[in-house]
Amino acid sequence: MDGDFQESQPPEKEGLKEEMQSVVEEARMVLPGVQALFGFQTMAVFNNRFETVPEGAKVAYLIALALLVIAMGLLMSPAAYHRLAERGRVSRQMINLSSTFITSSMLPLALALAIDVYVVASTVLDNHVLGLAGAIATCVFLAGFWYVFPLMRKATR
């Protein structure tokens, strides 16, 4: 399977502007999904069915909402930083900081999604153990694709 991911040509080194453009595009890819999820989560509390959700699950849902706010804040921070601290400039420090913010945003996003899976699965199945298993599976899956796989690929280069 690893052969499917072999690079056919050696990677090219990006200039600072191109690298910053890539960082901005990456944030733009993730942010709409986080914002949509946040919108759906805030709407869920106004659904009549939400009243039947156990109190513990409601608290978990609120924690997931807070984690989404953290993810959105981290995803939007590079734009605010650029406008306030480095207006008109692109620096290595800004690219590194922006990359750190975007990479860091994926952790609260993964946790929020896992908590959502827990709340939904435990409510629908009326089984907290299965809900917890779904949440753990979600964390493992997302951590694998968002952190482990890229770091393994980086290590093989």
Protein backbone atom coordinates (compact mmCIF):
# COMPACT_ATOMS: atom_id res chain seq x y z
CA MET A 1 0.00 0.00 0.00
CA ASP A 2 2.85 2.38 0.77
CA GLY A 3 3.87 2.24 -2.88
CA ASP A 4 0.61 3.99 -3.79
CA PHE A 5 1.85 7.07 -1.98
CA GLN A 6 5.34 7.27 -3.45
CA GLU A 7 6.21 10.62 -4.93
CA SER A 8 6.93 10.47 -8.65
CA GLN A 9 9.00 13.63 -8.57
CA PRO A 10 11.12 15.16 -5.82
CA PRO A 11 9.27 17.83 -3.81
CA GLU A 12 9.92 21.45 -4.70
CA LYS A 13 10.83 24.01 -2.08
CA GLU A 14 8.14 26.68 -1.76
CA GLY A 15 8.98 30.32 -1.30
CA LEU A 16 7.62 32.13 1.76
CA LYS A 17 4.68 33.63 -0.12
CA GLU A 18 3.69 30.32 -1.68
CA GLU A 19 4.05 28.54 1.65
CA MET A 20 1.88 31.15 3.36
CA GLN A 21 -0.72 30.78 0.60
CA SER A 22 -0.76 27.04 1.27
CA VAL A 23 -1.28 27.67 4.99
CA VAL A 24 -4.17 30.03 4.26
CA GLU A 25 -5.77 27.52 1.88
CA GLU A 26 -5.47 24.74 4.45
CA ALA A 27 -7.24 26.85 7.06
CA ARG A 28 -9.93 27.73 4.51
CA MET A 29 -10.54 24.03 3.84
CA VAL A 30 -11.10 23.14 7.50
CA LEU A 31 -12.86 26.24 8.82
CA PRO A 32 -16.20 25.93 6.95
CA GLY A 33 -16.66 22.40 8.26
CA VAL A 34 -15.96 23.48 11.82
CA GLN A 35 -18.34 26.42 11.47
CA ALA A 36 -21.09 24.20 10.03
CA LEU A 37 -20.65 21.70 12.84
CA PHE A 38 -20.81 24.54 15.37
CA GLY A 39 -24.04 25.76 13.78
CA PHE A 40 -25.62 22.31 13.91
CA GLN A 41 -24.57 21.89 17.52
CA THR A 42 -26.08 25.19 18.59
CA MET A 43 -29.32 24.37 16.76
CA ALA A 44 -29.58 20.95 18.42
CA VAL A 45 -30.37 22.42 21.84
CA PHE A 46 -33.53 23.97 20.40
CA ASN A 47 -34.76 20.60 19.13
CA ASN A 48 -37.48 19.00 21.27
CA ARG A 49 -35.56 15.71 21.34
CA PHE A 50 -32.66 17.42 23.15
CA GLU A 51 -34.76 17.52 26.32
CA THR A 52 -34.69 13.71 26.46
CA VAL A 53 -30.88 13.56 26.33
CA PRO A 54 -29.42 12.57 29.74
CA GLU A 55 -27.86 15.39 31.79
CA GLY A 56 -24.35 13.90 31.49
CA ALA A 57 -24.66 13.84 27.72
CA LYS A 58 -25.83 17.46 27.72
CA VAL A 59 -22.72 18.45 29.67
CA ALA A 60 -20.58 16.47 27.20
CA TYR A 61 -22.33 18.26 24.34
CA LEU A 62 -21.49 21.62 25.92
CA ILE A 63 -17.85 20.54 26.25
CA ALA A 64 -17.84 19.57 22.56
CA LEU A 65 -19.22 23.01 21.72
CA ALA A 66 -16.42 24.66 23.72
CA LEU A 67 -13.85 22.51 21.91
CA LEU A 68 -15.26 23.66 18.57
CA VAL A 69 -14.86 27.29 19.69
CA ILE A 70 -11.23 26.54 20.52
CA ALA A 71 -10.71 24.90 17.10
CA MET A 72 -12.30 27.88 15.33
CA GLY A 73 -10.17 30.31 17.33
CA LEU A 74 -6.99 28.46 16.41
CA LEU A 75 -7.99 28.28 12.74
CA MET A 76 -8.78 32.00 12.58
CA SER A 77 -5.72 33.14 14.56
CA PRO A 78 -3.29 33.18 11.63
CA ALA A 79 -5.43 35.76 9.80
CA ALA A 80 -5.72 37.97 12.88
CA TYR A 81 -2.02 37.63 13.62
CA HIS A 82 -1.10 38.54 10.05
CA ARG A 83 -3.33 41.61 10.04
CA LEU A 84 -2.21 42.88 13.45
CA ALA A 85 1.42 41.83 13.84
CA GLU A 86 2.82 41.35 10.36
CA ARG A 87 0.66 43.40 8.04
CA GLY A 88 2.13 43.35 4.56
CA ARG A 89 4.89 40.89 5.48
CA VAL A 90 5.33 37.16 5.29
CA SER A 91 7.95 35.77 7.65
CA ARG A 92 9.18 32.30 8.56
CA GLN A 93 7.96 32.97 12.13
CA MET A 94 4.46 33.75 10.87
CA ILE A 95 4.31 30.61 8.73
CA ASN A 96 5.54 28.44 11.60
CA LEU A 97 3.08 30.02 14.04
CA SER A 98 0.20 29.68 11.58
CA SER A 99 1.08 26.05 10.90
CA THR A 100 1.17 25.37 14.63
CA PHE A 101 -2.24 26.99 15.11
CA ILE A 102 -3.80 24.98 12.29
CA THR A 103 -2.22 21.70 13.38
CA SER A 104 -3.23 22.36 16.99
CA SER A 105 -6.83 23.08 15.96
CA MET A 106 -7.24 19.50 14.80
CA LEU A 107 -6.96 18.13 18.35
CA PRO A 108 -9.96 19.98 19.84
CA LEU A 109 -11.84 19.30 16.60
CA ALA A 110 -11.17 15.55 16.91
CA LEU A 111 -12.22 15.59 20.57
CA ALA A 112 -15.40 17.52 19.77
CA LEU A 113 -16.30 15.05 17.03
CA ALA A 114 -15.60 12.12 19.35
CA ILE A 115 -17.81 13.63 22.05
CA ASP A 116 -20.56 14.16 19.47
CA VAL A 117 -20.29 10.50 18.49
CA TYR A 118 -20.51 9.54 22.17
CA VAL A 119 -23.62 11.68 22.76
CA VAL A 120 -25.41 10.48 19.64
CA ALA A 121 -24.46 6.81 19.96
CA SER A 122 -25.18 6.56 23.68
CA THR A 123 -28.53 8.34 23.22
CA VAL A 124 -29.65 6.37 20.16
CA LEU A 125 -28.43 3.00 21.45
CA ASP A 126 -29.21 3.78 25.10
CA ASN A 127 -25.81 2.34 25.92
CA HIS A 128 -22.98 4.45 27.33
CA VAL A 129 -20.38 1.73 26.77
CA LEU A 130 -21.10 1.60 23.03
CA GLY A 131 -21.14 5.39 22.93
CA LEU A 132 -17.73 5.48 24.61
CA ALA A 133 -16.43 2.83 22.20
CA GLY A 134 -17.62 4.96 19.28
CA ALA A 135 -15.91 8.03 20.74
CA ILE A 136 -12.63 6.17 21.24
CA ALA A 137 -12.81 4.73 17.72
CA THR A 138 -13.42 8.24 16.37
CA CYS A 139 -10.38 9.60 18.24
CA VAL A 140 -8.16 6.76 17.05
CA PHE A 141 -9.34 7.13 13.44
CA LEU A 142 -8.90 10.92 13.32
CA ALA A 143 -5.59 10.89 15.21
CA GLY A 144 -4.36 8.24 12.81
CA PHE A 145 -5.17 10.22 9.68
CA TRP A 146 -4.47 13.70 11.02
CA TYR A 147 -1.30 13.06 13.06
CA VAL A 148 0.14 9.53 12.87
CA PHE A 149 -0.03 9.04 9.10
CA PRO A 150 1.52 12.44 8.23
CA LEU A 151 4.26 12.03 10.84
CA MET A 152 5.07 8.53 9.58
CA ARG A 153 5.28 9.85 6.02
CA LYS A 154 7.53 12.66 7.20
CA ALA A 155 9.79 10.19 9.00
CA THR A 156 10.21 8.05 5.87
CA ARG A 157 11.45 10.98 3.79
